[in-house]
Amino acid sequence: MEKHHDEPRRTAEGRAHSSTRERLLREVEAHPEATTSQLVEATGLHENTVRGHLERLRADGHIRRERDRAPGRGRPAWRWRTVPPAQLGAYAGLAATLASALGEVSAEPSVPARRAGQSWGRQLIAERQGGEDAGDTRGVIIEIMREQGFAPDDGGDTVRLRACPLLAAASRNAQVVCAVHEGMIEGIARASASDLQSTLVPFALDGACALHLRASA
């Protein structure tokens, strides 16, 4: 059964959506894989308005985009779909428990945590059906970070991660949880046959995490 939202959802900064943005999000929920043109037609809004709100919803992790795989002339259109809400409460508690247990059984818990993250990153790539253009590993990493709830803000060489889906677990055991996340990024890059190097610095930017992405020298 489809869940109805009586209250507007919020941006990554915690502000309630405008009525227009919430309306567009509900249209995407009601019409999975709709194109931008279809959403313009459904809402009656100006195309530039729809495009702007879609990009903000994507930046805040509410929706994702995939290239249309239908054959045809020209560049395929983007299709939009919502990102399923994670069961963050349950997963955060499980992550905290596993991080604590890993610290008890390993002298260097970040090592197996990083390996687990690398496996996770490879799996995320294997499961993707579309997304950013092929070869744009940096774009794929940022897109996946959006989908996983990190609300990335791309500032060039440094990406500011404004949220963490496992914040409670990370604040108690950053060595393990952040190693998993850094390994995930490495796994994405390796699965994409990229030499992109990454460094994740927890809570470096006014409480946000800093993700440095750079090409290998």
C-alpha atoms as a PDB file:
ATOM      1  CA  MET A   1       0.000   0.000   0.000  1.00  0.00           C
ATOM      2  CA  GLU A   2       1.349   3.394  -0.952  1.00  0.00           C
ATOM      3  CA  LYS A   3       2.250   5.567   1.993  1.00  0.00           C
ATOM      4  CA  HIS A   4       0.641   9.004   2.028  1.00  0.00           C
ATOM      5  CA  HIS A   5       2.591  11.893   3.510  1.00  0.00           C
ATOM      6  CA  ASP A   6       0.472  14.463   5.327  1.00  0.00           C
ATOM      7  CA  GLU A   7       3.467  16.685   6.003  1.00  0.00           C
ATOM      8  CA  PRO A   8       6.043  17.831   3.440  1.00  0.00           C
ATOM      9  CA  ARG A   9       9.409  16.089   3.503  1.00  0.00           C
ATOM     10  CA  ARG A  10      12.559  18.056   4.282  1.00  0.00           C
ATOM     11  CA  THR A  11      15.760  19.110   2.611  1.00  0.00           C
ATOM     12  CA  ALA A  12      19.151  17.834   3.744  1.00  0.00           C
ATOM     13  CA  GLU A  13      19.438  21.025   5.834  1.00  0.00           C
ATOM     14  CA  GLY A  14      16.165  20.252   7.614  1.00  0.00           C
ATOM     15  CA  ARG A  15      13.913  22.818   5.906  1.00  0.00           C
ATOM     16  CA  ALA A  16      10.405  21.714   4.945  1.00  0.00           C
ATOM     17  CA  HIS A  17       9.775  21.390   1.223  1.00  0.00           C
ATOM     18  CA  SER A  18       7.798  24.084  -0.512  1.00  0.00           C
ATOM     19  CA  SER A  19       4.355  22.987  -1.685  1.00  0.00           C
ATOM     20  CA  THR A  20       5.638  22.891  -5.277  1.00  0.00           C
ATOM     21  CA  ARG A  21       8.628  20.697  -4.484  1.00  0.00           C
ATOM     22  CA  GLU A  22       6.550  18.333  -2.354  1.00  0.00           C
ATOM     23  CA  ARG A  23       3.965  18.107  -5.129  1.00  0.00           C
ATOM     24  CA  LEU A  24       6.647  17.175  -7.643  1.00  0.00           C
ATOM     25  CA  LEU A  25       8.088  14.547  -5.286  1.00  0.00           C
ATOM     26  CA  ARG A  26       4.643  12.978  -4.956  1.00  0.00           C
ATOM     27  CA  GLU A  27       4.304  12.925  -8.729  1.00  0.00           C
ATOM     28  CA  VAL A  28       7.575  10.983  -8.982  1.00  0.00           C
ATOM     29  CA  GLU A  29       6.293   8.580  -6.311  1.00  0.00           C
ATOM     30  CA  ALA A  30       3.042   8.116  -8.201  1.00  0.00           C
ATOM     31  CA  HIS A  31       4.699   7.717 -11.615  1.00  0.00           C
ATOM     32  CA  PRO A  32       7.974   5.773 -11.232  1.00  0.00           C
ATOM     33  CA  GLU A  33      10.424   6.215 -14.113  1.00  0.00           C
ATOM     34  CA  ALA A  34       8.651   9.303 -15.449  1.00  0.00           C
ATOM     35  CA  THR A  35      10.713  11.542 -17.703  1.00  0.00           C
ATOM     36  CA  THR A  36      11.135  15.260 -17.107  1.00  0.00           C
ATOM     37  CA  SER A  37       8.749  16.001 -19.980  1.00  0.00           C
ATOM     38  CA  GLN A  38       6.116  13.705 -18.488  1.00  0.00           C
ATOM     39  CA  LEU A  39       6.415  15.440 -15.118  1.00  0.00           C
ATOM     40  CA  VAL A  40       6.072  18.829 -16.806  1.00  0.00           C
ATOM     41  CA  GLU A  41       2.876  17.622 -18.450  1.00  0.00           C
ATOM     42  CA  ALA A  42       1.539  16.080 -15.221  1.00  0.00           C
ATOM     43  CA  THR A  43       2.128  19.173 -13.090  1.00  0.00           C
ATOM     44  CA  GLY A  44       1.545  21.942 -15.610  1.00  0.00           C
ATOM     45  CA  LEU A  45       4.669  23.683 -14.278  1.00  0.00           C
ATOM     46  CA  HIS A  46       7.272  25.385 -16.451  1.00  0.00           C
ATOM     47  CA  GLU A  47      10.016  23.030 -17.612  1.00  0.00           C
ATOM     48  CA  ASN A  48      12.762  25.100 -15.952  1.00  0.00           C
ATOM     49  CA  THR A  49      10.852  25.027 -12.664  1.00  0.00           C
ATOM     50  CA  VAL A  50      10.475  21.243 -12.832  1.00  0.00           C
ATOM     51  CA  ARG A  51      14.149  20.749 -13.723  1.00  0.00           C
ATOM     52  CA  GLY A  52      15.276  22.952 -10.840  1.00  0.00           C
ATOM     53  CA  HIS A  53      13.153  21.145  -8.262  1.00  0.00           C
ATOM     54  CA  LEU A  54      14.174  17.722  -9.595  1.00  0.00           C
ATOM     55  CA  GLU A  55      17.852  18.593  -9.202  1.00  0.00           C
ATOM     56  CA  ARG A  56      17.292  19.800  -5.632  1.00  0.00           C
ATOM     57  CA  LEU A  57      15.327  16.656  -4.763  1.00  0.00           C
ATOM     58  CA  ARG A  58      18.166  14.591  -6.227  1.00  0.00           C
ATOM     59  CA  ALA A  59      20.803  16.564  -4.314  1.00  0.00           C
ATOM     60  CA  ASP A  60      18.887  15.958  -1.077  1.00  0.00           C
ATOM     61  CA  GLY A  61      18.726  12.212  -1.721  1.00  0.00           C
ATOM     62  CA  HIS A  62      14.968  11.891  -2.311  1.00  0.00           C
ATOM     63  CA  ILE A  63      15.140  10.785  -5.955  1.00  0.00           C
ATOM     64  CA  ARG A  64      17.607   9.353  -8.434  1.00  0.00           C
ATOM     65  CA  ARG A  65      17.859   9.481 -12.204  1.00  0.00           C
ATOM     66  CA  GLU A  66      18.606   6.801 -14.784  1.00  0.00           C
ATOM     67  CA  ARG A  67      19.156   7.008 -18.519  1.00  0.00           C
ATOM     68  CA  ASP A  68      16.254   5.708 -20.588  1.00  0.00           C
ATOM     69  CA  ARG A  69      17.386   2.464 -22.198  1.00  0.00           C
ATOM     70  CA  ALA A  70      14.681   2.590 -24.880  1.00  0.00           C
ATOM     71  CA  PRO A  71      16.163   2.671 -28.407  1.00  0.00           C
ATOM     72  CA  GLY A  72      15.788   5.857 -30.379  1.00  0.00           C
ATOM     73  CA  ARG A  73      17.616   8.736 -31.956  1.00  0.00           C
ATOM     74  CA  GLY A  74      19.573  11.268 -29.966  1.00  0.00           C
ATOM     75  CA  ARG A  75      20.640  11.235 -26.351  1.00  0.00           C
ATOM     76  CA  PRO A  76      18.354   9.135 -24.118  1.00  0.00           C
ATOM     77  CA  ALA A  77      16.176  11.031 -21.659  1.00  0.00           C
ATOM     78  CA  TRP A  78      16.573  10.886 -17.895  1.00  0.00           C
ATOM     79  CA  ARG A  79      13.961   8.901 -16.001  1.00  0.00           C
ATOM     80  CA  TRP A  80      13.270   9.711 -12.366  1.00  0.00           C
ATOM     81  CA  ARG A  81      12.446   7.431  -9.481  1.00  0.00           C
ATOM     82  CA  THR A  82      12.328   7.807  -5.725  1.00  0.00           C
ATOM     83  CA  VAL A  83      15.023   6.418  -3.451  1.00  0.00           C
ATOM     84  CA  PRO A  84      13.396   3.887  -1.093  1.00  0.00           C
ATOM     85  CA  PRO A  85      13.599   5.188   2.479  1.00  0.00           C
ATOM     86  CA  ALA A  86      16.076   3.141   4.499  1.00  0.00           C
ATOM     87  CA  GLN A  87      15.064   1.720   7.833  1.00  0.00           C
ATOM     88  CA  LEU A  88      17.691   3.911   9.459  1.00  0.00           C
ATOM     89  CA  GLY A  89      16.745   3.296  13.070  1.00  0.00           C
ATOM     90  CA  ALA A  90      17.088  -0.472  12.839  1.00  0.00           C
ATOM     91  CA  TYR A  91      20.161  -0.383  10.627  1.00  0.00           C
ATOM     92  CA  ALA A  92      21.893   2.207  12.801  1.00  0.00           C
ATOM     93  CA  GLY A  93      21.448   0.029  15.871  1.00  0.00           C
ATOM     94  CA  LEU A  94      22.732  -3.018  14.009  1.00  0.00           C
ATOM     95  CA  ALA A  95      25.718  -1.069  12.678  1.00  0.00           C
ATOM     96  CA  ALA A  96      26.623   0.148  16.162  1.00  0.00           C
ATOM     97  CA  THR A  97      26.456  -3.398  17.525  1.00  0.00           C
ATOM     98  CA  LEU A  98      28.559  -4.865  14.713  1.00  0.00           C
ATOM     99  CA  ALA A  99      31.121  -2.053  14.973  1.00  0.00           C
ATOM    100  CA  SER A 100      31.492  -2.674  18.689  1.00  0.00           C
ATOM    101  CA  ALA A 101      31.823  -6.435  18.173  1.00  0.00           C
ATOM    102  CA  LEU A 102      34.429  -5.968  15.442  1.00  0.00           C
ATOM    103  CA  GLY A 103      36.472  -3.789  17.775  1.00  0.00           C
ATOM    104  CA  GLU A 104      36.483  -6.567  20.363  1.00  0.00           C
ATOM    105  CA  VAL A 105      37.669  -9.350  18.049  1.00  0.00           C
ATOM    106  CA  SER A 106      40.235  -7.482  15.953  1.00  0.00           C
ATOM    107  CA  ALA A 107      43.299  -5.494  16.971  1.00  0.00           C
ATOM    108  CA  GLU A 108      42.896  -3.431  13.773  1.00  0.00           C
ATOM    109  CA  PRO A 109      39.112  -3.338  13.220  1.00  0.00           C
ATOM    110  CA  SER A 110      39.365  -0.756  10.442  1.00  0.00           C
ATOM    111  CA  VAL A 111      41.089  -3.322   8.171  1.00  0.00           C
ATOM    112  CA  PRO A 112      38.224  -5.860   7.926  1.00  0.00           C
ATOM    113  CA  ALA A 113      35.754  -2.955   8.003  1.00  0.00           C
ATOM    114  CA  ARG A 114      37.426  -1.441   4.944  1.00  0.00           C
ATOM    115  CA  ARG A 115      37.367  -4.793   3.135  1.00  0.00           C
ATOM    116  CA  ALA A 116      33.665  -5.150   3.893  1.00  0.00           C
ATOM    117  CA  GLY A 117      33.074  -1.673   2.503  1.00  0.00           C
ATOM    118  CA  GLN A 118      34.967  -2.503  -0.688  1.00  0.00           C
ATOM    119  CA  SER A 119      32.736  -5.537  -1.200  1.00  0.00           C
ATOM    120  CA  TRP A 120      29.684  -3.361  -0.591  1.00  0.00           C
ATOM    121  CA  GLY A 121      30.870  -0.826  -3.179  1.00  0.00           C
ATOM    122  CA  ARG A 122      31.390  -3.534  -5.799  1.00  0.00           C
ATOM    123  CA  GLN A 123      27.906  -4.859  -5.084  1.00  0.00           C
ATOM    124  CA  LEU A 124      26.358  -1.405  -5.470  1.00  0.00           C
ATOM    125  CA  ILE A 125      27.954  -1.055  -8.904  1.00  0.00           C
ATOM    126  CA  ALA A 126      26.834  -4.554  -9.933  1.00  0.00           C
ATOM    127  CA  GLU A 127      23.234  -3.748  -8.965  1.00  0.00           C
ATOM    128  CA  ARG A 128      23.017  -0.431 -10.811  1.00  0.00           C
ATOM    129  CA  GLN A 129      20.879  -0.385 -13.929  1.00  0.00           C
ATOM    130  CA  GLY A 130      21.850   3.097 -15.047  1.00  0.00           C
ATOM    131  CA  GLY A 131      22.701   6.477 -13.612  1.00  0.00           C
ATOM    132  CA  GLU A 132      25.545   8.789 -14.490  1.00  0.00           C
ATOM    133  CA  ASP A 133      27.276   8.525 -17.841  1.00  0.00           C
ATOM    134  CA  ALA A 134      29.675   5.636 -18.294  1.00  0.00           C
ATOM    135  CA  GLY A 135      33.226   6.565 -17.393  1.00  0.00           C
ATOM    136  CA  ASP A 136      32.227   9.282 -14.936  1.00  0.00           C
ATOM    137  CA  THR A 137      33.359   7.439 -11.816  1.00  0.00           C
ATOM    138  CA  ARG A 138      33.397  10.596  -9.731  1.00  0.00           C
ATOM    139  CA  GLY A 139      29.808  11.328 -10.713  1.00  0.00           C
ATOM    140  CA  VAL A 140      28.774   7.752  -9.932  1.00  0.00           C
ATOM    141  CA  ILE A 141      30.357   7.947  -6.465  1.00  0.00           C
ATOM    142  CA  ILE A 142      28.551  11.195  -5.662  1.00  0.00           C
ATOM    143  CA  GLU A 143      25.274   9.812  -7.021  1.00  0.00           C
ATOM    144  CA  ILE A 144      25.538   6.696  -4.861  1.00  0.00           C
ATOM    145  CA  MET A 145      26.440   8.792  -1.817  1.00  0.00           C
ATOM    146  CA  ARG A 146      23.220  10.745  -2.423  1.00  0.00           C
ATOM    147  CA  GLU A 147      21.217   7.541  -2.650  1.00  0.00           C
ATOM    148  CA  GLN A 148      22.762   6.203   0.547  1.00  0.00           C
ATOM    149  CA  GLY A 149      21.729   9.308   2.507  1.00  0.00           C
ATOM    150  CA  PHE A 150      24.972  11.322   2.772  1.00  0.00           C
ATOM    151  CA  ALA A 151      23.573  14.486   1.087  1.00  0.00           C
ATOM    152  CA  PRO A 152      26.863  15.304  -0.709  1.00  0.00           C
ATOM    153  CA  ASP A 153      27.663  18.890  -1.658  1.00  0.00           C
ATOM    154  CA  ASP A 154      30.184  18.819  -4.493  1.00  0.00           C
ATOM    155  CA  GLY A 155      32.767  21.550  -4.055  1.00  0.00           C
ATOM    156  CA  GLY A 156      35.358  20.358  -6.539  1.00  0.00           C
ATOM    157  CA  ASP A 157      38.233  18.340  -5.093  1.00  0.00           C
ATOM    158  CA  THR A 158      36.414  18.160  -1.748  1.00  0.00           C
ATOM    159  CA  VAL A 159      32.870  16.827  -1.390  1.00  0.00           C
ATOM    160  CA  ARG A 160      31.082  17.896   1.780  1.00  0.00           C
ATOM    161  CA  LEU A 161      28.934  15.089   3.199  1.00  0.00           C
ATOM    162  CA  ARG A 162      26.182  16.981   5.010  1.00  0.00           C
ATOM    163  CA  ALA A 163      24.487  13.918   6.518  1.00  0.00           C
ATOM    164  CA  CYS A 164      25.361  10.394   7.622  1.00  0.00           C
ATOM    165  CA  PRO A 165      22.811   7.557   7.579  1.00  0.00           C
ATOM    166  CA  LEU A 166      24.669   5.950  10.492  1.00  0.00           C
ATOM    167  CA  LEU A 167      25.559   9.086  12.441  1.00  0.00           C
ATOM    168  CA  ALA A 168      24.929   7.596  15.889  1.00  0.00           C
ATOM    169  CA  ALA A 169      27.098   4.569  15.132  1.00  0.00           C
ATOM    170  CA  ALA A 170      29.803   6.718  13.522  1.00  0.00           C
ATOM    171  CA  SER A 171      29.994   9.124  16.453  1.00  0.00           C
ATOM    172  CA  ARG A 172      30.628   6.202  18.815  1.00  0.00           C
ATOM    173  CA  ASN A 173      32.934   4.177  16.587  1.00  0.00           C
ATOM    174  CA  ALA A 174      34.188   6.314  13.707  1.00  0.00           C
ATOM    175  CA  GLN A 175      37.212   4.059  13.154  1.00  0.00           C
ATOM    176  CA  VAL A 176      35.028   1.174  12.004  1.00  0.00           C
ATOM    177  CA  VAL A 177      31.984   2.858  10.471  1.00  0.00           C
ATOM    178  CA  CYS A 178      33.981   5.419   8.501  1.00  0.00           C
ATOM    179  CA  ALA A 179      36.365   2.685   7.306  1.00  0.00           C
ATOM    180  CA  VAL A 180      33.356   0.850   5.861  1.00  0.00           C
ATOM    181  CA  HIS A 181      32.249   4.000   4.047  1.00  0.00           C
ATOM    182  CA  GLU A 182      35.736   4.730   2.724  1.00  0.00           C
ATOM    183  CA  GLY A 183      36.048   1.128   1.578  1.00  0.00           C
ATOM    184  CA  MET A 184      32.679   1.444  -0.156  1.00  0.00           C
ATOM    185  CA  ILE A 185      33.986   4.398  -2.174  1.00  0.00           C
ATOM    186  CA  GLU A 186      37.140   2.473  -3.076  1.00  0.00           C
ATOM    187  CA  GLY A 187      35.031  -0.520  -4.119  1.00  0.00           C
ATOM    188  CA  ILE A 188      32.928   1.669  -6.412  1.00  0.00           C
ATOM    189  CA  ALA A 189      36.054   3.096  -8.058  1.00  0.00           C
ATOM    190  CA  ARG A 190      37.719  -0.282  -8.525  1.00  0.00           C
ATOM    191  CA  ALA A 191      34.535  -1.874  -9.894  1.00  0.00           C
ATOM    192  CA  SER A 192      34.370   1.006 -12.369  1.00  0.00           C
ATOM    193  CA  ALA A 193      37.983   0.330 -13.449  1.00  0.00           C
ATOM    194  CA  SER A 194      39.021   3.764 -12.218  1.00  0.00           C
ATOM    195  CA  ASP A 195      42.245   4.877 -10.532  1.00  0.00           C
ATOM    196  CA  LEU A 196      40.405   7.624  -8.630  1.00  0.00           C
ATOM    197  CA  GLN A 197      41.832   8.031  -5.125  1.00  0.00           C
ATOM    198  CA  SER A 198      39.652   8.903  -2.133  1.00  0.00           C
ATOM    199  CA  THR A 199      40.181  10.081   1.432  1.00  0.00           C
ATOM    200  CA  LEU A 200      37.353  10.412   3.940  1.00  0.00           C
ATOM    201  CA  VAL A 201      37.925  12.755   6.893  1.00  0.00           C
ATOM    202  CA  PRO A 202      35.178  12.380   9.514  1.00  0.00           C
ATOM    203  CA  PHE A 203      33.531  15.506  10.971  1.00  0.00           C
ATOM    204  CA  ALA A 204      36.116  17.810   9.366  1.00  0.00           C
ATOM    205  CA  LEU A 205      33.868  20.635   8.135  1.00  0.00           C
ATOM    206  CA  ASP A 206      31.704  22.077  10.898  1.00  0.00           C
ATOM    207  CA  GLY A 207      30.504  18.620  11.817  1.00  0.00           C
ATOM    208  CA  ALA A 208      30.227  17.417   8.207  1.00  0.00           C
ATOM    209  CA  CYS A 209      32.603  14.863   6.745  1.00  0.00           C
ATOM    210  CA  ALA A 210      35.040  15.785   3.978  1.00  0.00           C
ATOM    211  CA  LEU A 211      35.475  13.416   1.055  1.00  0.00           C
ATOM    212  CA  HIS A 212      38.543  14.174  -1.087  1.00  0.00           C
ATOM    213  CA  LEU A 213      38.442  12.693  -4.587  1.00  0.00           C
ATOM    214  CA  ARG A 214      41.423  13.030  -6.916  1.00  0.00           C
ATOM    215  CA  ALA A 215      42.943  11.256  -9.889  1.00  0.00           C
ATOM    216  CA  SER A 216      45.913   9.020  -9.149  1.00  0.00           C
ATOM    217  CA  ALA A 217      49.241  10.747  -9.799  1.00  0.00           C
END
